[in-house]
Amino acid sequence: MNDLNWITFLILGLIIGSFLNVVILRMDDLKTIVTGRSHCQSCQKNLRWIDLIPLISFAILRGKCRYCGGKISLQYPLVELVTGIMYTLIFVVFGFSLATLFYILIFSLLMVVAVYDIKTQYVPETLVWIILLLSLFGGFVGHFDIIKMFFGVLIGGGLLASLVLISKEKWMGAGDIKIGIILGLLTGLERSIVAVFIAFLLGSIVGLIYIYIAKKTIKAALPFAPFLIFATLVAVIWGNNIVNWYLGQIIY
């Protein structure tokens, strides 16, 4: 594959990641995305273009505001970097196709949901509904296997719904159910099992580490949507390989 192509998608991801940071920051008042200017969260000084170059500005400024020296949140370079890597992986797997555009759109929106959930422990309902409808529409337009989509929704959404009902939202929130449905729509039957397994495994590991480091109890709240979203991305990109590898282990 031409190196220039994936480098282009990497740079595109970095730029869009910078924009996603703005959306995350202004989620409670989306009108300011158009009307407002980027500014330092400490001194409120308006930032120049040279302060907003993805990754590069953060590195040059050593993570501090040019004007007041206040610390810049690691969220900004991390979202830019992860989005860049995500775009590159999607392109490497799906190439120049409608599937690439579809997954880039869906996972860009899911990135906003994941980071917003980490920051606020709240899943933005309106945005999640938009993603759900886009996932459903994309599945039909892309001629996904409708039966597999149905069973994927049962596995992703049904499992989470049962956990929410059993725990009365003590283990996870109702908003996670819709994320589970999106997971099922995007991955189908076999890959939804992979995604759910990865999400719960990773959530358990990170949760135990968090409890140990932060000296929290087992009841400490930890947002689960980011694990579901990450697991969905893994399943979309490598799910078929994982399923084939696992089946090969069973057969042989």
C-alpha atoms as a PDB file:
ATOM      1  CA  MET A   1       0.000   0.000   0.000  1.00  0.00           C
ATOM      2  CA  ASN A   2       1.303   3.466  -0.891  1.00  0.00           C
ATOM      3  CA  ASP A   3       2.893   5.039   2.199  1.00  0.00           C
ATOM      4  CA  LEU A   4       1.569   8.449   1.176  1.00  0.00           C
ATOM      5  CA  ASN A   5      -2.017   7.159   1.441  1.00  0.00           C
ATOM      6  CA  TRP A   6      -1.876   5.993   5.035  1.00  0.00           C
ATOM      7  CA  ILE A   7       0.196   9.012   6.029  1.00  0.00           C
ATOM      8  CA  THR A   8      -2.562  11.176   4.553  1.00  0.00           C
ATOM      9  CA  PHE A   9      -5.166   9.382   6.658  1.00  0.00           C
ATOM     10  CA  LEU A  10      -2.954   9.717   9.731  1.00  0.00           C
ATOM     11  CA  ILE A  11      -2.675  13.487   9.246  1.00  0.00           C
ATOM     12  CA  LEU A  12      -6.405  13.725   8.500  1.00  0.00           C
ATOM     13  CA  GLY A  13      -7.110  11.873  11.755  1.00  0.00           C
ATOM     14  CA  LEU A  14      -4.872  14.232  13.711  1.00  0.00           C
ATOM     15  CA  ILE A  15      -6.703  17.261  12.287  1.00  0.00           C
ATOM     16  CA  ILE A  16     -10.177  15.797  12.875  1.00  0.00           C
ATOM     17  CA  GLY A  17      -9.055  14.715  16.344  1.00  0.00           C
ATOM     18  CA  SER A  18      -8.269  18.350  17.131  1.00  0.00           C
ATOM     19  CA  PHE A  19     -11.791  19.285  16.039  1.00  0.00           C
ATOM     20  CA  LEU A  20     -13.283  16.461  18.123  1.00  0.00           C
ATOM     21  CA  ASN A  21     -11.593  17.972  21.165  1.00  0.00           C
ATOM     22  CA  VAL A  22     -13.514  21.168  20.513  1.00  0.00           C
ATOM     23  CA  VAL A  23     -16.775  19.229  20.213  1.00  0.00           C
ATOM     24  CA  ILE A  24     -16.085  17.382  23.484  1.00  0.00           C
ATOM     25  CA  LEU A  25     -15.237  20.604  25.283  1.00  0.00           C
ATOM     26  CA  ARG A  26     -18.343  22.409  24.005  1.00  0.00           C
ATOM     27  CA  MET A  27     -20.782  19.502  24.059  1.00  0.00           C
ATOM     28  CA  ASP A  28     -23.083  21.329  26.477  1.00  0.00           C
ATOM     29  CA  ASP A  29     -23.341  24.317  24.141  1.00  0.00           C
ATOM     30  CA  LEU A  30     -22.691  23.151  20.572  1.00  0.00           C
ATOM     31  CA  LYS A  31     -23.480  26.576  19.116  1.00  0.00           C
ATOM     32  CA  THR A  32     -20.132  27.828  20.434  1.00  0.00           C
ATOM     33  CA  ILE A  33     -18.339  25.436  18.058  1.00  0.00           C
ATOM     34  CA  VAL A  34     -19.227  27.883  15.290  1.00  0.00           C
ATOM     35  CA  THR A  35     -19.401  31.147  17.197  1.00  0.00           C
ATOM     36  CA  GLY A  36     -16.650  30.703  19.780  1.00  0.00           C
ATOM     37  CA  ARG A  37     -12.865  30.819  19.434  1.00  0.00           C
ATOM     38  CA  SER A  38     -10.416  28.367  20.967  1.00  0.00           C
ATOM     39  CA  HIS A  39      -8.960  29.750  24.179  1.00  0.00           C
ATOM     40  CA  CYS A  40      -6.868  28.711  27.153  1.00  0.00           C
ATOM     41  CA  GLN A  41      -8.987  27.121  29.878  1.00  0.00           C
ATOM     42  CA  SER A  42      -6.850  28.822  32.545  1.00  0.00           C
ATOM     43  CA  CYS A  43      -6.354  32.432  31.391  1.00  0.00           C
ATOM     44  CA  GLN A  44      -9.122  32.536  28.722  1.00  0.00           C
ATOM     45  CA  LYS A  45      -6.673  34.022  26.222  1.00  0.00           C
ATOM     46  CA  ASN A  46      -7.681  33.386  22.598  1.00  0.00           C
ATOM     47  CA  LEU A  47      -5.281  30.960  20.930  1.00  0.00           C
ATOM     48  CA  ARG A  48      -3.541  31.571  17.607  1.00  0.00           C
ATOM     49  CA  TRP A  49      -3.336  29.007  14.824  1.00  0.00           C
ATOM     50  CA  ILE A  50       0.246  28.264  15.787  1.00  0.00           C
ATOM     51  CA  ASP A  51      -1.014  27.089  19.181  1.00  0.00           C
ATOM     52  CA  LEU A  52      -3.468  24.638  17.615  1.00  0.00           C
ATOM     53  CA  ILE A  53      -1.317  22.437  15.369  1.00  0.00           C
ATOM     54  CA  PRO A  54      -2.194  18.837  16.335  1.00  0.00           C
ATOM     55  CA  LEU A  55       0.478  17.226  18.545  1.00  0.00           C
ATOM     56  CA  ILE A  56       3.186  19.639  17.384  1.00  0.00           C
ATOM     57  CA  SER A  57       1.948  22.673  19.348  1.00  0.00           C
ATOM     58  CA  PHE A  58       1.567  20.580  22.514  1.00  0.00           C
ATOM     59  CA  ALA A  59       5.116  19.260  22.133  1.00  0.00           C
ATOM     60  CA  ILE A  60       6.663  22.668  21.380  1.00  0.00           C
ATOM     61  CA  LEU A  61       4.830  24.310  24.284  1.00  0.00           C
ATOM     62  CA  ARG A  62       5.700  21.334  26.520  1.00  0.00           C
ATOM     63  CA  GLY A  63       2.092  20.968  27.529  1.00  0.00           C
ATOM     64  CA  LYS A  64       1.739  24.521  28.851  1.00  0.00           C
ATOM     65  CA  CYS A  65      -0.137  27.611  27.712  1.00  0.00           C
ATOM     66  CA  ARG A  66       2.053  30.069  25.812  1.00  0.00           C
ATOM     67  CA  TYR A  67       0.511  33.017  27.679  1.00  0.00           C
ATOM     68  CA  CYS A  68      -0.027  31.973  31.302  1.00  0.00           C
ATOM     69  CA  GLY A  69       1.968  28.777  31.655  1.00  0.00           C
ATOM     70  CA  GLY A  70      -1.100  26.805  32.732  1.00  0.00           C
ATOM     71  CA  LYS A  71      -1.048  23.084  32.027  1.00  0.00           C
ATOM     72  CA  ILE A  72      -2.766  21.850  28.882  1.00  0.00           C
ATOM     73  CA  SER A  73      -4.816  18.710  29.430  1.00  0.00           C
ATOM     74  CA  LEU A  74      -3.351  15.490  28.049  1.00  0.00           C
ATOM     75  CA  GLN A  75      -6.786  14.879  26.570  1.00  0.00           C
ATOM     76  CA  TYR A  76      -5.925  17.081  23.584  1.00  0.00           C
ATOM     77  CA  PRO A  77      -2.848  15.276  22.214  1.00  0.00           C
ATOM     78  CA  LEU A  78      -4.230  11.857  23.188  1.00  0.00           C
ATOM     79  CA  VAL A  79      -7.508  12.342  21.292  1.00  0.00           C
ATOM     80  CA  GLU A  80      -5.573  13.661  18.281  1.00  0.00           C
ATOM     81  CA  LEU A  81      -3.132  10.758  18.323  1.00  0.00           C
ATOM     82  CA  VAL A  82      -5.752   8.054  18.875  1.00  0.00           C
ATOM     83  CA  THR A  83      -7.962   9.478  16.122  1.00  0.00           C
ATOM     84  CA  GLY A  84      -5.000   9.567  13.752  1.00  0.00           C
ATOM     85  CA  ILE A  85      -4.119   5.945  14.487  1.00  0.00           C
ATOM     86  CA  MET A  86      -7.780   4.944  14.217  1.00  0.00           C
ATOM     87  CA  TYR A  87      -8.174   6.542  10.779  1.00  0.00           C
ATOM     88  CA  THR A  88      -4.982   4.868   9.579  1.00  0.00           C
ATOM     89  CA  LEU A  89      -6.053   1.397  10.742  1.00  0.00           C
ATOM     90  CA  ILE A  90      -9.493   1.767   9.168  1.00  0.00           C
ATOM     91  CA  PHE A  91      -7.935   2.808   5.870  1.00  0.00           C
ATOM     92  CA  VAL A  92      -5.361  -0.013   5.928  1.00  0.00           C
ATOM     93  CA  VAL A  93      -8.155  -2.581   6.396  1.00  0.00           C
ATOM     94  CA  PHE A  94     -10.870  -1.151   4.133  1.00  0.00           C
ATOM     95  CA  GLY A  95      -8.872   0.954   1.651  1.00  0.00           C
ATOM     96  CA  PHE A  96     -10.524   3.622  -0.472  1.00  0.00           C
ATOM     97  CA  SER A  97     -14.158   2.596  -0.005  1.00  0.00           C
ATOM     98  CA  LEU A  98     -17.525   3.689   1.335  1.00  0.00           C
ATOM     99  CA  ALA A  99     -16.872   1.398   4.294  1.00  0.00           C
ATOM    100  CA  THR A 100     -13.866   3.537   5.233  1.00  0.00           C
ATOM    101  CA  LEU A 101     -15.937   6.734   5.134  1.00  0.00           C
ATOM    102  CA  PHE A 102     -18.713   5.063   7.115  1.00  0.00           C
ATOM    103  CA  TYR A 103     -16.445   3.751   9.873  1.00  0.00           C
ATOM    104  CA  ILE A 104     -14.489   6.994  10.076  1.00  0.00           C
ATOM    105  CA  LEU A 105     -17.736   8.911  10.637  1.00  0.00           C
ATOM    106  CA  ILE A 106     -19.126   6.435  13.173  1.00  0.00           C
ATOM    107  CA  PHE A 107     -15.958   6.061  15.220  1.00  0.00           C
ATOM    108  CA  SER A 108     -15.269   9.812  15.194  1.00  0.00           C
ATOM    109  CA  LEU A 109     -18.661  10.327  16.833  1.00  0.00           C
ATOM    110  CA  LEU A 110     -18.020   7.409  19.191  1.00  0.00           C
ATOM    111  CA  MET A 111     -14.715   9.021  20.169  1.00  0.00           C
ATOM    112  CA  VAL A 112     -16.668  12.059  21.365  1.00  0.00           C
ATOM    113  CA  VAL A 113     -19.004   9.795  23.360  1.00  0.00           C
ATOM    114  CA  ALA A 114     -16.116   7.884  24.940  1.00  0.00           C
ATOM    115  CA  VAL A 115     -14.115  10.911  26.064  1.00  0.00           C
ATOM    116  CA  TYR A 116     -17.211  12.795  27.215  1.00  0.00           C
ATOM    117  CA  ASP A 117     -18.213   9.768  29.288  1.00  0.00           C
ATOM    118  CA  ILE A 118     -14.739   9.630  30.858  1.00  0.00           C
ATOM    119  CA  LYS A 119     -14.891  13.328  31.729  1.00  0.00           C
ATOM    120  CA  THR A 120     -18.470  13.458  33.032  1.00  0.00           C
ATOM    121  CA  GLN A 121     -19.576   9.819  33.554  1.00  0.00           C
ATOM    122  CA  TYR A 122     -22.518  10.688  31.348  1.00  0.00           C
ATOM    123  CA  VAL A 123     -23.363   9.358  27.888  1.00  0.00           C
ATOM    124  CA  PRO A 124     -24.725  12.125  25.600  1.00  0.00           C
ATOM    125  CA  GLU A 125     -28.086  10.605  24.671  1.00  0.00           C
ATOM    126  CA  THR A 126     -28.828  12.655  21.551  1.00  0.00           C
ATOM    127  CA  LEU A 127     -25.457  11.912  19.991  1.00  0.00           C
ATOM    128  CA  VAL A 128     -25.751   8.196  20.826  1.00  0.00           C
ATOM    129  CA  TRP A 129     -29.172   8.034  19.133  1.00  0.00           C
ATOM    130  CA  ILE A 130     -27.688   9.678  16.035  1.00  0.00           C
ATOM    131  CA  ILE A 131     -24.871   7.111  15.964  1.00  0.00           C
ATOM    132  CA  LEU A 132     -27.348   4.266  16.469  1.00  0.00           C
ATOM    133  CA  LEU A 133     -29.512   5.397  13.541  1.00  0.00           C
ATOM    134  CA  LEU A 134     -26.450   5.925  11.336  1.00  0.00           C
ATOM    135  CA  SER A 135     -25.207   2.432  12.231  1.00  0.00           C
ATOM    136  CA  LEU A 136     -28.588   0.928  11.375  1.00  0.00           C
ATOM    137  CA  PHE A 137     -28.798   2.885   8.113  1.00  0.00           C
ATOM    138  CA  GLY A 138     -25.218   2.007   7.204  1.00  0.00           C
ATOM    139  CA  GLY A 139     -25.918  -1.659   7.828  1.00  0.00           C
ATOM    140  CA  PHE A 140     -28.805  -1.703   5.373  1.00  0.00           C
ATOM    141  CA  VAL A 141     -27.109   0.426   2.736  1.00  0.00           C
ATOM    142  CA  GLY A 142     -23.888  -1.575   3.053  1.00  0.00           C
ATOM    143  CA  HIS A 143     -25.794  -4.830   2.640  1.00  0.00           C
ATOM    144  CA  PHE A 144     -24.635  -6.173   5.990  1.00  0.00           C
ATOM    145  CA  ASP A 145     -26.068  -9.549   6.955  1.00  0.00           C
ATOM    146  CA  ILE A 146     -29.366  -8.509   8.562  1.00  0.00           C
ATOM    147  CA  ILE A 147     -29.697 -11.756  10.523  1.00  0.00           C
ATOM    148  CA  LYS A 148     -26.201 -11.382  11.951  1.00  0.00           C
ATOM    149  CA  MET A 149     -26.942  -7.750  12.789  1.00  0.00           C
ATOM    150  CA  PHE A 150     -30.060  -8.871  14.662  1.00  0.00           C
ATOM    151  CA  PHE A 151     -28.164 -11.446  16.711  1.00  0.00           C
ATOM    152  CA  GLY A 152     -25.347  -8.956  17.263  1.00  0.00           C
ATOM    153  CA  VAL A 153     -27.863  -6.541  18.776  1.00  0.00           C
ATOM    154  CA  LEU A 154     -29.232  -9.336  20.983  1.00  0.00           C
ATOM    155  CA  ILE A 155     -25.745 -10.126  22.247  1.00  0.00           C
ATOM    156  CA  GLY A 156     -24.518  -6.551  22.667  1.00  0.00           C
ATOM    157  CA  GLY A 157     -27.676  -4.709  23.669  1.00  0.00           C
ATOM    158  CA  GLY A 158     -29.458  -7.663  25.279  1.00  0.00           C
ATOM    159  CA  LEU A 159     -26.594  -8.617  27.572  1.00  0.00           C
ATOM    160  CA  LEU A 160     -26.075  -5.055  28.762  1.00  0.00           C
ATOM    161  CA  ALA A 161     -29.814  -4.515  29.199  1.00  0.00           C
ATOM    162  CA  SER A 162     -30.026  -7.605  31.411  1.00  0.00           C
ATOM    163  CA  LEU A 163     -27.103  -6.405  33.535  1.00  0.00           C
ATOM    164  CA  VAL A 164     -28.660  -2.941  33.886  1.00  0.00           C
ATOM    165  CA  LEU A 165     -32.001  -4.429  34.928  1.00  0.00           C
ATOM    166  CA  ILE A 166     -30.518  -6.974  37.338  1.00  0.00           C
ATOM    167  CA  SER A 167     -28.276  -4.409  39.039  1.00  0.00           C
ATOM    168  CA  LYS A 168     -30.830  -1.581  38.826  1.00  0.00           C
ATOM    169  CA  GLU A 169     -28.136   0.539  37.111  1.00  0.00           C
ATOM    170  CA  LYS A 170     -25.579  -0.080  39.870  1.00  0.00           C
ATOM    171  CA  TRP A 171     -23.173  -1.932  37.562  1.00  0.00           C
ATOM    172  CA  MET A 172     -23.668   0.261  34.494  1.00  0.00           C
ATOM    173  CA  GLY A 173     -26.012   2.935  33.208  1.00  0.00           C
ATOM    174  CA  ALA A 174     -28.933   2.614  30.830  1.00  0.00           C
ATOM    175  CA  GLY A 175     -27.014   4.673  28.274  1.00  0.00           C
ATOM    176  CA  ASP A 176     -24.608   1.750  27.860  1.00  0.00           C
ATOM    177  CA  ILE A 177     -27.444  -0.358  26.436  1.00  0.00           C
ATOM    178  CA  LYS A 178     -27.578   1.806  23.310  1.00  0.00           C
ATOM    179  CA  ILE A 179     -23.800   1.554  22.979  1.00  0.00           C
ATOM    180  CA  GLY A 180     -24.249  -2.214  23.139  1.00  0.00           C
ATOM    181  CA  ILE A 181     -26.843  -2.046  20.365  1.00  0.00           C
ATOM    182  CA  ILE A 182     -24.432   0.012  18.241  1.00  0.00           C
ATOM    183  CA  LEU A 183     -21.758  -2.600  18.972  1.00  0.00           C
ATOM    184  CA  GLY A 184     -24.074  -5.328  17.676  1.00  0.00           C
ATOM    185  CA  LEU A 185     -25.067  -3.401  14.562  1.00  0.00           C
ATOM    186  CA  LEU A 186     -21.448  -2.753  13.607  1.00  0.00           C
ATOM    187  CA  THR A 187     -20.040  -6.191  14.370  1.00  0.00           C
ATOM    188  CA  GLY A 188     -22.773  -8.769  13.748  1.00  0.00           C
ATOM    189  CA  LEU A 189     -23.001 -12.168  15.392  1.00  0.00           C
ATOM    190  CA  GLU A 190     -19.486 -13.617  15.717  1.00  0.00           C
ATOM    191  CA  ARG A 191     -17.599 -10.357  16.102  1.00  0.00           C
ATOM    192  CA  SER A 192     -20.074  -9.050  18.703  1.00  0.00           C
ATOM    193  CA  ILE A 193     -19.020 -11.938  20.963  1.00  0.00           C
ATOM    194  CA  VAL A 194     -15.389 -10.888  20.472  1.00  0.00           C
ATOM    195  CA  ALA A 195     -16.241  -7.253  21.221  1.00  0.00           C
ATOM    196  CA  VAL A 196     -18.227  -8.021  24.381  1.00  0.00           C
ATOM    197  CA  PHE A 197     -15.474 -10.312  25.660  1.00  0.00           C
ATOM    198  CA  ILE A 198     -12.781  -7.678  25.045  1.00  0.00           C
ATOM    199  CA  ALA A 199     -14.878  -4.919  26.650  1.00  0.00           C
ATOM    200  CA  PHE A 200     -15.525  -6.852  29.860  1.00  0.00           C
ATOM    201  CA  LEU A 201     -11.971  -8.212  30.066  1.00  0.00           C
ATOM    202  CA  LEU A 202     -10.391  -4.802  29.551  1.00  0.00           C
ATOM    203  CA  GLY A 203     -12.921  -3.126  31.851  1.00  0.00           C
ATOM    204  CA  SER A 204     -12.149  -5.622  34.614  1.00  0.00           C
ATOM    205  CA  ILE A 205      -8.386  -5.181  34.282  1.00  0.00           C
ATOM    206  CA  VAL A 206      -8.519  -1.376  34.197  1.00  0.00           C
ATOM    207  CA  GLY A 207     -11.080  -1.348  37.019  1.00  0.00           C
ATOM    208  CA  LEU A 208      -8.855  -3.428  39.294  1.00  0.00           C
ATOM    209  CA  ILE A 209      -5.836  -1.251  38.484  1.00  0.00           C
ATOM    210  CA  TYR A 210      -7.907   1.877  39.171  1.00  0.00           C
ATOM    211  CA  ILE A 211      -9.113   0.498  42.506  1.00  0.00           C
ATOM    212  CA  TYR A 212      -5.542  -0.355  43.526  1.00  0.00           C
ATOM    213  CA  ILE A 213      -3.913   2.911  42.448  1.00  0.00           C
ATOM    214  CA  ALA A 214      -6.690   5.290  43.514  1.00  0.00           C
ATOM    215  CA  LYS A 215      -7.368   3.359  46.755  1.00  0.00           C
ATOM    216  CA  LYS A 216     -11.024   3.015  45.826  1.00  0.00           C
ATOM    217  CA  THR A 217     -13.524   0.323  46.784  1.00  0.00           C
ATOM    218  CA  ILE A 218     -15.043  -2.191  44.408  1.00  0.00           C
ATOM    219  CA  LYS A 219     -18.120   0.060  44.242  1.00  0.00           C
ATOM    220  CA  ALA A 220     -16.166   2.921  42.651  1.00  0.00           C
ATOM    221  CA  ALA A 221     -17.790   4.161  39.448  1.00  0.00           C
ATOM    222  CA  LEU A 222     -15.875   3.663  36.203  1.00  0.00           C
ATOM    223  CA  PRO A 223     -17.445   4.576  32.834  1.00  0.00           C
ATOM    224  CA  PHE A 224     -17.975   1.476  30.703  1.00  0.00           C
ATOM    225  CA  ALA A 225     -18.857   3.079  27.357  1.00  0.00           C
ATOM    226  CA  PRO A 226     -15.179   3.709  26.424  1.00  0.00           C
ATOM    227  CA  PHE A 227     -14.412  -0.004  26.814  1.00  0.00           C
ATOM    228  CA  LEU A 228     -17.402  -0.940  24.648  1.00  0.00           C
ATOM    229  CA  ILE A 229     -16.354   1.556  21.974  1.00  0.00           C
ATOM    230  CA  PHE A 230     -12.724   0.448  21.970  1.00  0.00           C
ATOM    231  CA  ALA A 231     -13.783  -3.207  21.802  1.00  0.00           C
ATOM    232  CA  THR A 232     -16.119  -2.421  18.893  1.00  0.00           C
ATOM    233  CA  LEU A 233     -13.264  -0.805  16.983  1.00  0.00           C
ATOM    234  CA  VAL A 234     -11.033  -3.833  17.611  1.00  0.00           C
ATOM    235  CA  ALA A 235     -13.812  -6.187  16.487  1.00  0.00           C
ATOM    236  CA  VAL A 236     -14.498  -4.198  13.307  1.00  0.00           C
ATOM    237  CA  ILE A 237     -10.815  -4.124  12.339  1.00  0.00           C
ATOM    238  CA  TRP A 238      -9.532  -7.497  13.582  1.00  0.00           C
ATOM    239  CA  GLY A 239     -12.696  -9.367  14.604  1.00  0.00           C
ATOM    240  CA  ASN A 240     -12.728 -11.782  11.668  1.00  0.00           C
ATOM    241  CA  ASN A 241      -9.062 -12.627  12.214  1.00  0.00           C
ATOM    242  CA  ILE A 242      -9.682 -13.259  15.902  1.00  0.00           C
ATOM    243  CA  VAL A 243     -12.704 -15.474  15.179  1.00  0.00           C
ATOM    244  CA  ASN A 244     -10.799 -17.462  12.542  1.00  0.00           C
ATOM    245  CA  TRP A 245      -7.819 -17.883  14.868  1.00  0.00           C
ATOM    246  CA  TYR A 246     -10.041 -19.084  17.694  1.00  0.00           C
ATOM    247  CA  LEU A 247     -11.910 -21.549  15.479  1.00  0.00           C
ATOM    248  CA  GLY A 248      -8.565 -22.811  14.212  1.00  0.00           C
ATOM    249  CA  GLN A 249      -7.432 -23.486  17.779  1.00  0.00           C
ATOM    250  CA  ILE A 250     -10.595 -25.516  18.423  1.00  0.00           C
ATOM    251  CA  ILE A 251     -10.341 -27.535  15.206  1.00  0.00           C
ATOM    252  CA  TYR A 252      -6.671 -28.294  15.495  1.00  0.00           C
END
